[in-house]
């Protein structure tokens, strides 16, 4: 990894790119702040025994989802620290350590889960605030091994908070997703599914006028609806029954997105 300070100072073009990266990160961080606030409100309203009840994710209780969210925040602090210092800090010590942290944290009572989420969210915000503009263009390593720019760390946190807030099955639904999040994720997920091994489907988000084609071949099916409803289907958080289909045939099964 390169020194973010020297990289930013290398040329006016690099400095401009660093400024753009920092501005993008700041916009994402503002979204994370709002989403975290809503998540904390939901968790604060949970009844004591609700944490042990099933979530919308197979095999996970709500406690598993909350423990994962807390440990994910800490893992992204590692990436932020790596971007700031120019060192390759692993997101998690190992996959086993990641899984163990979730399993050990899942049985905790609601008040402990809430306190952990508040603390880890604060650590994430403070670590992000320490990054100079030049550090946001630095590449960091995801736990899967691929490299990505540090300015996308806040967006990855936003994805975790928004998707898993729905997975808690505690009253927060895809209809509550922020507009910018829903549109951006619609584009991202439909892009990942372009050319996938499924019959081609044309998607139309009626509220944002965005179109996309997923699958392979010439679309024989058009699916229309609000962008949040389309994203709920694409992300596996709804079966798509409320979406309009032309012709009125079954929706194809979507492959796992990983």
C-alpha atoms as a PDB file:
ATOM      1  CA  UNK A   1       0.000   0.000   0.000  1.00  0.00           C
ATOM      2  CA  UNK A   2       1.231   3.492  -0.790  1.00  0.00           C
ATOM      3  CA  UNK A   3       1.677   6.347   1.665  1.00  0.00           C
ATOM      4  CA  UNK A   4      -1.571   8.332   1.281  1.00  0.00           C
ATOM      5  CA  UNK A   5       0.124  11.646   2.056  1.00  0.00           C
ATOM      6  CA  UNK A   6       2.878  11.307  -0.556  1.00  0.00           C
ATOM      7  CA  UNK A   7       0.389   9.990  -3.120  1.00  0.00           C
ATOM      8  CA  UNK A   8      -1.850  13.021  -2.695  1.00  0.00           C
ATOM      9  CA  UNK A   9       1.080  15.407  -3.056  1.00  0.00           C
ATOM     10  CA  UNK A  10       2.462  13.752  -6.180  1.00  0.00           C
ATOM     11  CA  UNK A  11       0.605  15.991  -8.660  1.00  0.00           C
ATOM     12  CA  UNK A  12      -2.276  18.443  -8.947  1.00  0.00           C
ATOM     13  CA  UNK A  13      -4.313  15.674 -10.607  1.00  0.00           C
ATOM     14  CA  UNK A  14      -3.685  13.366  -7.670  1.00  0.00           C
ATOM     15  CA  UNK A  15      -4.652  16.094  -5.234  1.00  0.00           C
ATOM     16  CA  UNK A  16      -7.876  16.692  -7.157  1.00  0.00           C
ATOM     17  CA  UNK A  17      -8.652  12.971  -7.112  1.00  0.00           C
ATOM     18  CA  UNK A  18      -8.004  12.883  -3.373  1.00  0.00           C
ATOM     19  CA  UNK A  19     -10.380  15.769  -2.841  1.00  0.00           C
ATOM     20  CA  UNK A  20     -13.076  14.035  -4.869  1.00  0.00           C
ATOM     21  CA  UNK A  21     -12.552  10.816  -2.909  1.00  0.00           C
ATOM     22  CA  UNK A  22     -12.822  12.681   0.389  1.00  0.00           C
ATOM     23  CA  UNK A  23     -16.013  14.440  -0.720  1.00  0.00           C
ATOM     24  CA  UNK A  24     -17.537  11.133  -1.754  1.00  0.00           C
ATOM     25  CA  UNK A  25     -16.601   9.559   1.577  1.00  0.00           C
ATOM     26  CA  UNK A  26     -18.122  12.501   3.461  1.00  0.00           C
ATOM     27  CA  UNK A  27     -21.426  12.064   1.632  1.00  0.00           C
ATOM     28  CA  UNK A  28     -21.480   8.360   2.427  1.00  0.00           C
ATOM     29  CA  UNK A  29     -20.568   8.982   6.067  1.00  0.00           C
ATOM     30  CA  UNK A  30     -23.544  11.298   6.435  1.00  0.00           C
ATOM     31  CA  UNK A  31     -25.782   8.484   5.207  1.00  0.00           C
ATOM     32  CA  UNK A  32     -24.143   6.044   7.631  1.00  0.00           C
ATOM     33  CA  UNK A  33     -24.786   8.430  10.519  1.00  0.00           C
ATOM     34  CA  UNK A  34     -28.485   8.639   9.745  1.00  0.00           C
ATOM     35  CA  UNK A  35     -28.857   4.916   9.149  1.00  0.00           C
ATOM     36  CA  UNK A  36     -27.047   4.084  12.383  1.00  0.00           C
ATOM     37  CA  UNK A  37     -29.318   6.432  14.303  1.00  0.00           C
ATOM     38  CA  UNK A  38     -32.388   4.630  12.947  1.00  0.00           C
ATOM     39  CA  UNK A  39     -30.873   1.231  13.730  1.00  0.00           C
ATOM     40  CA  UNK A  40     -30.142   2.230  17.329  1.00  0.00           C
ATOM     41  CA  UNK A  41     -33.718   3.430  17.704  1.00  0.00           C
ATOM     42  CA  UNK A  42     -35.059   0.069  16.494  1.00  0.00           C
ATOM     43  CA  UNK A  43     -32.762  -1.905  18.800  1.00  0.00           C
ATOM     44  CA  UNK A  44     -33.656   0.357  21.710  1.00  0.00           C
ATOM     45  CA  UNK A  45     -37.335  -0.508  21.196  1.00  0.00           C
ATOM     46  CA  UNK A  46     -36.787  -4.282  21.214  1.00  0.00           C
ATOM     47  CA  UNK A  47     -38.291  -6.215  24.096  1.00  0.00           C
ATOM     48  CA  UNK A  48     -35.745  -8.183  26.171  1.00  0.00           C
ATOM     49  CA  UNK A  49     -36.685 -11.591  24.747  1.00  0.00           C
ATOM     50  CA  UNK A  50     -36.823 -10.352  21.133  1.00  0.00           C
ATOM     51  CA  UNK A  51     -33.049 -10.648  20.681  1.00  0.00           C
ATOM     52  CA  UNK A  52     -33.237 -14.444  20.960  1.00  0.00           C
ATOM     53  CA  UNK A  53     -36.043 -14.709  18.398  1.00  0.00           C
ATOM     54  CA  UNK A  54     -35.375 -15.646  14.758  1.00  0.00           C
ATOM     55  CA  UNK A  55     -34.303 -12.938  12.325  1.00  0.00           C
ATOM     56  CA  UNK A  56     -35.169 -12.980   8.623  1.00  0.00           C
ATOM     57  CA  UNK A  57     -31.815 -14.679   7.936  1.00  0.00           C
ATOM     58  CA  UNK A  58     -31.988 -18.482   8.065  1.00  0.00           C
ATOM     59  CA  UNK A  59     -30.270 -19.878  11.137  1.00  0.00           C
ATOM     60  CA  UNK A  60     -29.637 -16.496  12.730  1.00  0.00           C
ATOM     61  CA  UNK A  61     -31.411 -14.905  15.667  1.00  0.00           C
ATOM     62  CA  UNK A  62     -31.714 -11.158  15.947  1.00  0.00           C
ATOM     63  CA  UNK A  63     -28.761 -11.401  18.327  1.00  0.00           C
ATOM     64  CA  UNK A  64     -26.631 -12.897  15.546  1.00  0.00           C
ATOM     65  CA  UNK A  65     -27.531  -9.999  13.248  1.00  0.00           C
ATOM     66  CA  UNK A  66     -26.711  -7.415  15.922  1.00  0.00           C
ATOM     67  CA  UNK A  67     -23.419  -9.065  16.885  1.00  0.00           C
ATOM     68  CA  UNK A  68     -22.445  -9.210  13.218  1.00  0.00           C
ATOM     69  CA  UNK A  69     -23.218  -5.511  12.775  1.00  0.00           C
ATOM     70  CA  UNK A  70     -21.066  -4.592  15.764  1.00  0.00           C
ATOM     71  CA  UNK A  71     -18.117  -6.749  14.722  1.00  0.00           C
ATOM     72  CA  UNK A  72     -18.399  -5.497  11.135  1.00  0.00           C
ATOM     73  CA  UNK A  73     -17.998  -1.918  12.361  1.00  0.00           C
ATOM     74  CA  UNK A  74     -14.802  -2.885  14.162  1.00  0.00           C
ATOM     75  CA  UNK A  75     -13.525  -4.712  11.090  1.00  0.00           C
ATOM     76  CA  UNK A  76     -14.025  -1.598   8.979  1.00  0.00           C
ATOM     77  CA  UNK A  77     -12.168   0.446  11.593  1.00  0.00           C
ATOM     78  CA  UNK A  78      -9.219  -1.828  10.802  1.00  0.00           C
ATOM     79  CA  UNK A  79      -9.469  -0.875   7.125  1.00  0.00           C
ATOM     80  CA  UNK A  80      -9.770   2.814   7.972  1.00  0.00           C
ATOM     81  CA  UNK A  81      -6.680   2.574  10.173  1.00  0.00           C
ATOM     82  CA  UNK A  82      -4.859   0.810   7.368  1.00  0.00           C
ATOM     83  CA  UNK A  83      -5.768   3.563   4.907  1.00  0.00           C
ATOM     84  CA  UNK A  84      -4.632   6.236   7.351  1.00  0.00           C
ATOM     85  CA  UNK A  85      -1.289   4.591   8.128  1.00  0.00           C
ATOM     86  CA  UNK A  86      -0.574   3.099   4.710  1.00  0.00           C
ATOM     87  CA  UNK A  87      -0.381  -0.431   6.101  1.00  0.00           C
ATOM     88  CA  UNK A  88      -2.227  -3.585   5.075  1.00  0.00           C
ATOM     89  CA  UNK A  89      -4.311  -4.278   8.198  1.00  0.00           C
ATOM     90  CA  UNK A  90      -6.593  -7.321   7.770  1.00  0.00           C
ATOM     91  CA  UNK A  91     -10.291  -6.648   8.088  1.00  0.00           C
ATOM     92  CA  UNK A  92     -10.625  -9.656  10.422  1.00  0.00           C
ATOM     93  CA  UNK A  93      -7.821 -11.732  12.002  1.00  0.00           C
ATOM     94  CA  UNK A  94      -9.383 -14.775  10.285  1.00  0.00           C
ATOM     95  CA  UNK A  95     -12.723 -16.087   9.074  1.00  0.00           C
ATOM     96  CA  UNK A  96     -12.831 -18.272  12.183  1.00  0.00           C
ATOM     97  CA  UNK A  97     -12.375 -15.219  14.398  1.00  0.00           C
ATOM     98  CA  UNK A  98     -15.154 -13.419  12.514  1.00  0.00           C
ATOM     99  CA  UNK A  99     -17.583 -16.316  12.992  1.00  0.00           C
ATOM    100  CA  UNK A 100     -16.588 -16.746  16.630  1.00  0.00           C
ATOM    101  CA  UNK A 101     -17.251 -13.083  17.365  1.00  0.00           C
ATOM    102  CA  UNK A 102     -20.777 -13.393  15.983  1.00  0.00           C
ATOM    103  CA  UNK A 103     -21.568 -16.609  17.840  1.00  0.00           C
ATOM    104  CA  UNK A 104     -20.182 -15.339  21.142  1.00  0.00           C
ATOM    105  CA  UNK A 105     -22.020 -12.032  20.866  1.00  0.00           C
ATOM    106  CA  UNK A 106     -25.390 -13.375  19.746  1.00  0.00           C
ATOM    107  CA  UNK A 107     -26.773 -14.499  23.153  1.00  0.00           C
ATOM    108  CA  UNK A 108     -26.215 -11.150  24.888  1.00  0.00           C
ATOM    109  CA  UNK A 109     -29.249  -9.268  26.237  1.00  0.00           C
ATOM    110  CA  UNK A 110     -30.732  -6.374  24.283  1.00  0.00           C
ATOM    111  CA  UNK A 111     -29.107  -3.677  26.413  1.00  0.00           C
ATOM    112  CA  UNK A 112     -25.652  -5.185  25.856  1.00  0.00           C
ATOM    113  CA  UNK A 113     -26.273  -5.402  22.115  1.00  0.00           C
ATOM    114  CA  UNK A 114     -27.371  -1.777  22.033  1.00  0.00           C
ATOM    115  CA  UNK A 115     -24.346  -0.613  24.012  1.00  0.00           C
ATOM    116  CA  UNK A 116     -22.023  -2.541  21.691  1.00  0.00           C
ATOM    117  CA  UNK A 117     -23.619  -1.041  18.590  1.00  0.00           C
ATOM    118  CA  UNK A 118     -23.311   2.464  20.025  1.00  0.00           C
ATOM    119  CA  UNK A 119     -19.663   1.922  20.946  1.00  0.00           C
ATOM    120  CA  UNK A 120     -18.625   0.363  17.653  1.00  0.00           C
ATOM    121  CA  UNK A 121     -20.527   2.965  15.651  1.00  0.00           C
ATOM    122  CA  UNK A 122     -18.675   5.647  17.556  1.00  0.00           C
ATOM    123  CA  UNK A 123     -15.324   3.992  16.910  1.00  0.00           C
ATOM    124  CA  UNK A 124     -16.119   3.815  13.202  1.00  0.00           C
ATOM    125  CA  UNK A 125     -17.055   7.507  13.056  1.00  0.00           C
ATOM    126  CA  UNK A 126     -13.928   8.562  14.966  1.00  0.00           C
ATOM    127  CA  UNK A 127     -11.638   6.436  12.784  1.00  0.00           C
ATOM    128  CA  UNK A 128     -13.173   7.967   9.653  1.00  0.00           C
ATOM    129  CA  UNK A 129     -12.735  11.487  11.045  1.00  0.00           C
ATOM    130  CA  UNK A 130      -8.992  10.859  11.454  1.00  0.00           C
ATOM    131  CA  UNK A 131      -8.406  10.200   7.752  1.00  0.00           C
ATOM    132  CA  UNK A 132      -6.811  13.077   5.816  1.00  0.00           C
ATOM    133  CA  UNK A 133      -8.195  13.744   2.346  1.00  0.00           C
ATOM    134  CA  UNK A 134      -5.324  11.906   0.675  1.00  0.00           C
ATOM    135  CA  UNK A 135      -6.028   8.677   2.539  1.00  0.00           C
ATOM    136  CA  UNK A 136      -9.481   8.215   1.057  1.00  0.00           C
ATOM    137  CA  UNK A 137      -8.011   7.299  -2.338  1.00  0.00           C
ATOM    138  CA  UNK A 138      -5.827   4.572  -0.805  1.00  0.00           C
ATOM    139  CA  UNK A 139      -6.633   0.965  -1.669  1.00  0.00           C
ATOM    140  CA  UNK A 140      -7.579  -1.393   1.157  1.00  0.00           C
ATOM    141  CA  UNK A 141      -8.181  -5.133   1.170  1.00  0.00           C
ATOM    142  CA  UNK A 142     -11.621  -6.642   1.709  1.00  0.00           C
ATOM    143  CA  UNK A 143     -11.817  -9.844   3.740  1.00  0.00           C
ATOM    144  CA  UNK A 144     -12.463 -11.695   0.458  1.00  0.00           C
ATOM    145  CA  UNK A 145      -9.070 -10.498  -0.775  1.00  0.00           C
ATOM    146  CA  UNK A 146     -10.048  -7.946  -3.404  1.00  0.00           C
ATOM    147  CA  UNK A 147      -8.767  -4.377  -3.260  1.00  0.00           C
ATOM    148  CA  UNK A 148     -11.061  -1.362  -3.249  1.00  0.00           C
ATOM    149  CA  UNK A 149     -10.675   2.374  -2.543  1.00  0.00           C
ATOM    150  CA  UNK A 150     -11.027   3.553   1.025  1.00  0.00           C
ATOM    151  CA  UNK A 151     -13.766   6.014   0.080  1.00  0.00           C
ATOM    152  CA  UNK A 152     -16.018   2.983  -0.389  1.00  0.00           C
ATOM    153  CA  UNK A 153     -15.558   1.841   3.227  1.00  0.00           C
ATOM    154  CA  UNK A 154     -18.439   4.068   4.415  1.00  0.00           C
ATOM    155  CA  UNK A 155     -20.675   2.692   1.669  1.00  0.00           C
ATOM    156  CA  UNK A 156     -19.871  -0.852   2.734  1.00  0.00           C
ATOM    157  CA  UNK A 157     -20.883   0.072   6.269  1.00  0.00           C
ATOM    158  CA  UNK A 158     -24.082   1.622   4.918  1.00  0.00           C
ATOM    159  CA  UNK A 159     -24.885  -1.619   3.087  1.00  0.00           C
ATOM    160  CA  UNK A 160     -24.400  -3.642   6.255  1.00  0.00           C
ATOM    161  CA  UNK A 161     -26.589  -1.350   8.343  1.00  0.00           C
ATOM    162  CA  UNK A 162     -29.408  -0.942   5.822  1.00  0.00           C
ATOM    163  CA  UNK A 163     -29.682  -4.550   4.646  1.00  0.00           C
ATOM    164  CA  UNK A 164     -29.323  -6.076   8.104  1.00  0.00           C
ATOM    165  CA  UNK A 165     -31.697  -3.552   9.667  1.00  0.00           C
ATOM    166  CA  UNK A 166     -34.329  -5.125   7.409  1.00  0.00           C
ATOM    167  CA  UNK A 167     -33.054  -8.601   8.330  1.00  0.00           C
ATOM    168  CA  UNK A 168     -33.796  -7.920  12.005  1.00  0.00           C
ATOM    169  CA  UNK A 169     -37.489  -8.284  11.088  1.00  0.00           C
ATOM    170  CA  UNK A 170     -38.345  -5.680  13.701  1.00  0.00           C
ATOM    171  CA  UNK A 171     -40.463  -3.221  11.734  1.00  0.00           C
ATOM    172  CA  UNK A 172     -37.838  -1.697   9.414  1.00  0.00           C
ATOM    173  CA  UNK A 173     -38.604  -2.682   5.820  1.00  0.00           C
ATOM    174  CA  UNK A 174     -37.196  -2.008   2.337  1.00  0.00           C
ATOM    175  CA  UNK A 175     -39.721   0.839   2.087  1.00  0.00           C
ATOM    176  CA  UNK A 176     -37.631   2.661   4.698  1.00  0.00           C
ATOM    177  CA  UNK A 177     -34.367   2.503   2.712  1.00  0.00           C
ATOM    178  CA  UNK A 178     -32.898   5.950   1.901  1.00  0.00           C
ATOM    179  CA  UNK A 179     -33.486   6.993  -1.702  1.00  0.00           C
ATOM    180  CA  UNK A 180     -29.789   7.354  -2.566  1.00  0.00           C
ATOM    181  CA  UNK A 181     -29.026   3.945  -1.107  1.00  0.00           C
ATOM    182  CA  UNK A 182     -31.881   2.247  -2.957  1.00  0.00           C
ATOM    183  CA  UNK A 183     -30.989   3.746  -6.351  1.00  0.00           C
ATOM    184  CA  UNK A 184     -27.272   3.071  -6.033  1.00  0.00           C
ATOM    185  CA  UNK A 185     -27.798  -0.492  -4.862  1.00  0.00           C
ATOM    186  CA  UNK A 186     -30.327  -1.132  -7.625  1.00  0.00           C
ATOM    187  CA  UNK A 187     -27.671  -0.142 -10.131  1.00  0.00           C
ATOM    188  CA  UNK A 188     -24.943  -2.144  -8.373  1.00  0.00           C
ATOM    189  CA  UNK A 189     -26.885  -5.382  -8.009  1.00  0.00           C
ATOM    190  CA  UNK A 190     -28.465  -5.250 -11.459  1.00  0.00           C
ATOM    191  CA  UNK A 191     -24.959  -4.655 -12.828  1.00  0.00           C
ATOM    192  CA  UNK A 192     -23.680  -7.744 -11.025  1.00  0.00           C
ATOM    193  CA  UNK A 193     -26.518  -9.794 -12.507  1.00  0.00           C
ATOM    194  CA  UNK A 194     -26.048  -8.519 -16.069  1.00  0.00           C
ATOM    195  CA  UNK A 195     -24.974 -11.549 -18.056  1.00  0.00           C
ATOM    196  CA  UNK A 196     -25.763 -13.967 -15.224  1.00  0.00           C
ATOM    197  CA  UNK A 197     -26.992 -17.460 -16.034  1.00  0.00           C
ATOM    198  CA  UNK A 198     -30.718 -16.744 -15.938  1.00  0.00           C
ATOM    199  CA  UNK A 199     -33.318 -15.720 -18.526  1.00  0.00           C
ATOM    200  CA  UNK A 200     -32.955 -12.041 -19.388  1.00  0.00           C
ATOM    201  CA  UNK A 201     -35.285  -9.670 -17.531  1.00  0.00           C
ATOM    202  CA  UNK A 202     -35.717  -5.951 -18.121  1.00  0.00           C
ATOM    203  CA  UNK A 203     -36.206  -3.985 -14.904  1.00  0.00           C
ATOM    204  CA  UNK A 204     -37.856  -0.578 -14.724  1.00  0.00           C
ATOM    205  CA  UNK A 205     -37.920   1.512 -11.564  1.00  0.00           C
ATOM    206  CA  UNK A 206     -41.018   3.608 -12.045  1.00  0.00           C
ATOM    207  CA  UNK A 207     -40.161   6.204  -9.403  1.00  0.00           C
ATOM    208  CA  UNK A 208     -36.605   6.899 -10.582  1.00  0.00           C
ATOM    209  CA  UNK A 209     -37.027   6.068 -14.313  1.00  0.00           C
ATOM    210  CA  UNK A 210     -33.994   3.760 -14.131  1.00  0.00           C
ATOM    211  CA  UNK A 211     -33.770   0.742 -16.398  1.00  0.00           C
ATOM    212  CA  UNK A 212     -31.532  -2.307 -16.267  1.00  0.00           C
ATOM    213  CA  UNK A 213     -31.316  -5.738 -17.854  1.00  0.00           C
ATOM    214  CA  UNK A 214     -30.247  -8.789 -15.871  1.00  0.00           C
ATOM    215  CA  UNK A 215     -29.552 -12.260 -17.193  1.00  0.00           C
ATOM    216  CA  UNK A 216     -28.516 -13.386 -20.645  1.00  0.00           C
ATOM    217  CA  UNK A 217     -30.166 -12.917 -24.015  1.00  0.00           C
ATOM    218  CA  UNK A 218     -33.033 -10.741 -25.184  1.00  0.00           C
ATOM    219  CA  UNK A 219     -35.491  -9.914 -22.383  1.00  0.00           C
ATOM    220  CA  UNK A 220     -38.829 -11.683 -22.731  1.00  0.00           C
ATOM    221  CA  UNK A 221     -40.001 -10.403 -19.360  1.00  0.00           C
ATOM    222  CA  UNK A 222     -40.305  -6.845 -18.052  1.00  0.00           C
ATOM    223  CA  UNK A 223     -40.582  -6.228 -14.319  1.00  0.00           C
ATOM    224  CA  UNK A 224     -41.722  -2.832 -13.026  1.00  0.00           C
ATOM    225  CA  UNK A 225     -42.159  -1.283  -9.601  1.00  0.00           C
ATOM    226  CA  UNK A 226     -40.650   1.178  -7.124  1.00  0.00           C
ATOM    227  CA  UNK A 227     -36.876   1.052  -6.945  1.00  0.00           C
ATOM    228  CA  UNK A 228     -36.987  -0.080  -3.296  1.00  0.00           C
ATOM    229  CA  UNK A 229     -39.247  -3.019  -4.193  1.00  0.00           C
ATOM    230  CA  UNK A 230     -36.983  -4.010  -7.079  1.00  0.00           C
ATOM    231  CA  UNK A 231     -33.942  -3.815  -4.808  1.00  0.00           C
ATOM    232  CA  UNK A 232     -35.716  -5.900  -2.166  1.00  0.00           C
ATOM    233  CA  UNK A 233     -36.166  -8.649  -4.763  1.00  0.00           C
ATOM    234  CA  UNK A 234     -32.653  -8.346  -6.195  1.00  0.00           C
ATOM    235  CA  UNK A 235     -31.113  -8.509  -2.720  1.00  0.00           C
ATOM    236  CA  UNK A 236     -33.171 -11.530  -1.644  1.00  0.00           C
ATOM    237  CA  UNK A 237     -35.273  -9.618   0.892  1.00  0.00           C
ATOM    238  CA  UNK A 238     -38.604 -10.007  -0.917  1.00  0.00           C
ATOM    239  CA  UNK A 239     -40.100 -12.532  -3.312  1.00  0.00           C
ATOM    240  CA  UNK A 240     -41.149  -9.845  -5.790  1.00  0.00           C
ATOM    241  CA  UNK A 241     -44.859 -10.689  -5.653  1.00  0.00           C
ATOM    242  CA  UNK A 242     -45.845  -7.002  -5.640  1.00  0.00           C
ATOM    243  CA  UNK A 243     -43.885  -6.215  -8.805  1.00  0.00           C
ATOM    244  CA  UNK A 244     -45.716  -5.906 -12.134  1.00  0.00           C
ATOM    245  CA  UNK A 245     -44.646  -8.423 -14.745  1.00  0.00           C
ATOM    246  CA  UNK A 246     -45.209  -8.343 -18.500  1.00  0.00           C
ATOM    247  CA  UNK A 247     -46.152 -10.980 -19.440  1.00  0.00           C
ATOM    248  CA  UNK A 248     -47.606 -12.128 -16.114  1.00  0.00           C
ATOM    249  CA  UNK A 249     -45.262 -15.054 -15.567  1.00  0.00           C
ATOM    250  CA  UNK A 250     -43.146 -16.211 -12.648  1.00  0.00           C
ATOM    251  CA  UNK A 251     -39.991 -14.350 -11.768  1.00  0.00           C
ATOM    252  CA  UNK A 252     -36.761 -16.278 -12.359  1.00  0.00           C
ATOM    253  CA  UNK A 253     -34.741 -17.569  -9.427  1.00  0.00           C
ATOM    254  CA  UNK A 254     -31.795 -15.274  -8.795  1.00  0.00           C
ATOM    255  CA  UNK A 255     -28.316 -16.665  -8.153  1.00  0.00           C
ATOM    256  CA  UNK A 256     -26.570 -15.891  -4.842  1.00  0.00           C
ATOM    257  CA  UNK A 257     -24.763 -12.556  -5.001  1.00  0.00           C
ATOM    258  CA  UNK A 258     -22.179 -13.379  -2.325  1.00  0.00           C
END
